[in-house]
Amino acid sequence: MRALGWIETLRSLSIVNMQGREIYSLYNGSMESGNYIVDWDASDFSSGIYFVKMISNDFVITHKIMLIK
């Protein structure tokens, strides 16, 4: 999973379930613009649809992902 390079400052990166609840926090803090690789150990999660939620200073981006085991 790559954080988008055009985001000026990333504040939070998390995995959210279909009910909108955060189930896993990948990053909390301040990450400057650039290319990053973030690993999610999904071994404790079941197959299904999840969302990656990225929060910056200016906006929130949500991407739908599918976990297949």
C-alpha atoms as a PDB file:
ATOM      1  CA  MET A   1       0.000   0.000   0.000  1.00  0.00           C
ATOM      2  CA  ARG A   2       1.533   3.338  -0.968  1.00  0.00           C
ATOM      3  CA  ALA A   3       0.664   6.668   0.628  1.00  0.00           C
ATOM      4  CA  LEU A   4      -0.044   9.265  -2.020  1.00  0.00           C
ATOM      5  CA  GLY A   5       2.938  11.535  -2.681  1.00  0.00           C
ATOM      6  CA  TRP A   6       0.869  14.659  -3.360  1.00  0.00           C
ATOM      7  CA  ILE A   7      -0.594  14.785   0.149  1.00  0.00           C
ATOM      8  CA  GLU A   8       1.279  17.578   1.884  1.00  0.00           C
ATOM      9  CA  THR A   9       1.072  16.224   5.434  1.00  0.00           C
ATOM     10  CA  LEU A  10      -0.495  12.875   6.310  1.00  0.00           C
ATOM     11  CA  ARG A  11      -1.904  12.778   9.840  1.00  0.00           C
ATOM     12  CA  SER A  12      -3.596   9.394  10.011  1.00  0.00           C
ATOM     13  CA  LEU A  13      -3.781   6.187   7.982  1.00  0.00           C
ATOM     14  CA  SER A  14      -6.190   3.490   9.119  1.00  0.00           C
ATOM     15  CA  ILE A  15      -8.231   0.468   8.051  1.00  0.00           C
ATOM     16  CA  VAL A  16     -12.003   0.864   8.435  1.00  0.00           C
ATOM     17  CA  ASN A  17     -14.651  -1.878   8.212  1.00  0.00           C
ATOM     18  CA  MET A  18     -17.965  -1.759   6.321  1.00  0.00           C
ATOM     19  CA  GLN A  19     -19.716  -0.275   9.377  1.00  0.00           C
ATOM     20  CA  GLY A  20     -17.306   2.670   9.355  1.00  0.00           C
ATOM     21  CA  ARG A  21     -15.413   1.620  12.483  1.00  0.00           C
ATOM     22  CA  GLU A  22     -11.646   1.913  12.581  1.00  0.00           C
ATOM     23  CA  ILE A  23     -10.323  -1.612  13.086  1.00  0.00           C
ATOM     24  CA  TYR A  24      -6.604  -1.030  12.618  1.00  0.00           C
ATOM     25  CA  SER A  25      -4.388   2.043  12.816  1.00  0.00           C
ATOM     26  CA  LEU A  26      -1.493   1.971  10.342  1.00  0.00           C
ATOM     27  CA  TYR A  27      -0.082   5.391  11.181  1.00  0.00           C
ATOM     28  CA  ASN A  28      -0.748   8.346  13.486  1.00  0.00           C
ATOM     29  CA  GLY A  29       1.523  11.359  13.476  1.00  0.00           C
ATOM     30  CA  SER A  30       2.937  13.708  10.895  1.00  0.00           C
ATOM     31  CA  MET A  31       4.328  12.373   7.613  1.00  0.00           C
ATOM     32  CA  GLU A  32       5.640  14.842   5.043  1.00  0.00           C
ATOM     33  CA  SER A  33       4.986  14.507   1.324  1.00  0.00           C
ATOM     34  CA  GLY A  34       6.826  11.615  -0.321  1.00  0.00           C
ATOM     35  CA  ASN A  35       6.513   7.957  -1.256  1.00  0.00           C
ATOM     36  CA  TYR A  36       6.019   5.474   1.557  1.00  0.00           C
ATOM     37  CA  ILE A  37       5.244   1.798   1.863  1.00  0.00           C
ATOM     38  CA  VAL A  38       3.032   0.725   4.752  1.00  0.00           C
ATOM     39  CA  ASP A  39       2.481  -2.931   5.623  1.00  0.00           C
ATOM     40  CA  TRP A  40      -0.798  -4.211   7.038  1.00  0.00           C
ATOM     41  CA  ASP A  41      -0.587  -7.618   8.719  1.00  0.00           C
ATOM     42  CA  ALA A  42      -4.124  -8.775   7.948  1.00  0.00           C
ATOM     43  CA  SER A  43      -3.632 -12.307   9.241  1.00  0.00           C
ATOM     44  CA  ASP A  44      -6.154 -11.708  12.069  1.00  0.00           C
ATOM     45  CA  PHE A  45      -8.833 -10.332   9.736  1.00  0.00           C
ATOM     46  CA  SER A  46     -11.331 -12.236   7.624  1.00  0.00           C
ATOM     47  CA  SER A  47     -11.714 -11.910   3.872  1.00  0.00           C
ATOM     48  CA  GLY A  48     -13.964  -9.065   2.835  1.00  0.00           C
ATOM     49  CA  ILE A  49     -14.186  -5.429   1.862  1.00  0.00           C
ATOM     50  CA  TYR A  50     -12.371  -2.807   3.911  1.00  0.00           C
ATOM     51  CA  PHE A  51     -11.486   0.837   3.443  1.00  0.00           C
ATOM     52  CA  VAL A  52      -8.162   2.645   3.793  1.00  0.00           C
ATOM     53  CA  LYS A  53      -8.794   6.058   5.316  1.00  0.00           C
ATOM     54  CA  MET A  54      -6.133   8.764   4.930  1.00  0.00           C
ATOM     55  CA  ILE A  55      -6.494  12.013   6.845  1.00  0.00           C
ATOM     56  CA  SER A  56      -4.338  15.027   6.016  1.00  0.00           C
ATOM     57  CA  ASN A  57      -4.431  18.633   7.192  1.00  0.00           C
ATOM     58  CA  ASP A  58      -6.861  19.593   4.442  1.00  0.00           C
ATOM     59  CA  PHE A  59      -8.983  16.570   3.524  1.00  0.00           C
ATOM     60  CA  VAL A  60      -9.918  12.909   4.001  1.00  0.00           C
ATOM     61  CA  ILE A  61      -9.445  10.243   1.302  1.00  0.00           C
ATOM     62  CA  THR A  62     -11.022   6.806   1.480  1.00  0.00           C
ATOM     63  CA  HIS A  63     -10.099   3.895  -0.819  1.00  0.00           C
ATOM     64  CA  LYS A  64     -12.006   0.621  -0.989  1.00  0.00           C
ATOM     65  CA  ILE A  65      -9.881  -2.538  -0.802  1.00  0.00           C
ATOM     66  CA  MET A  66     -10.690  -6.242  -0.893  1.00  0.00           C
ATOM     67  CA  LEU A  67      -8.909  -8.723   1.364  1.00  0.00           C
ATOM     68  CA  ILE A  68      -8.821 -12.224  -0.135  1.00  0.00           C
ATOM     69  CA  LYS A  69      -7.309 -15.098   1.799  1.00  0.00           C
END
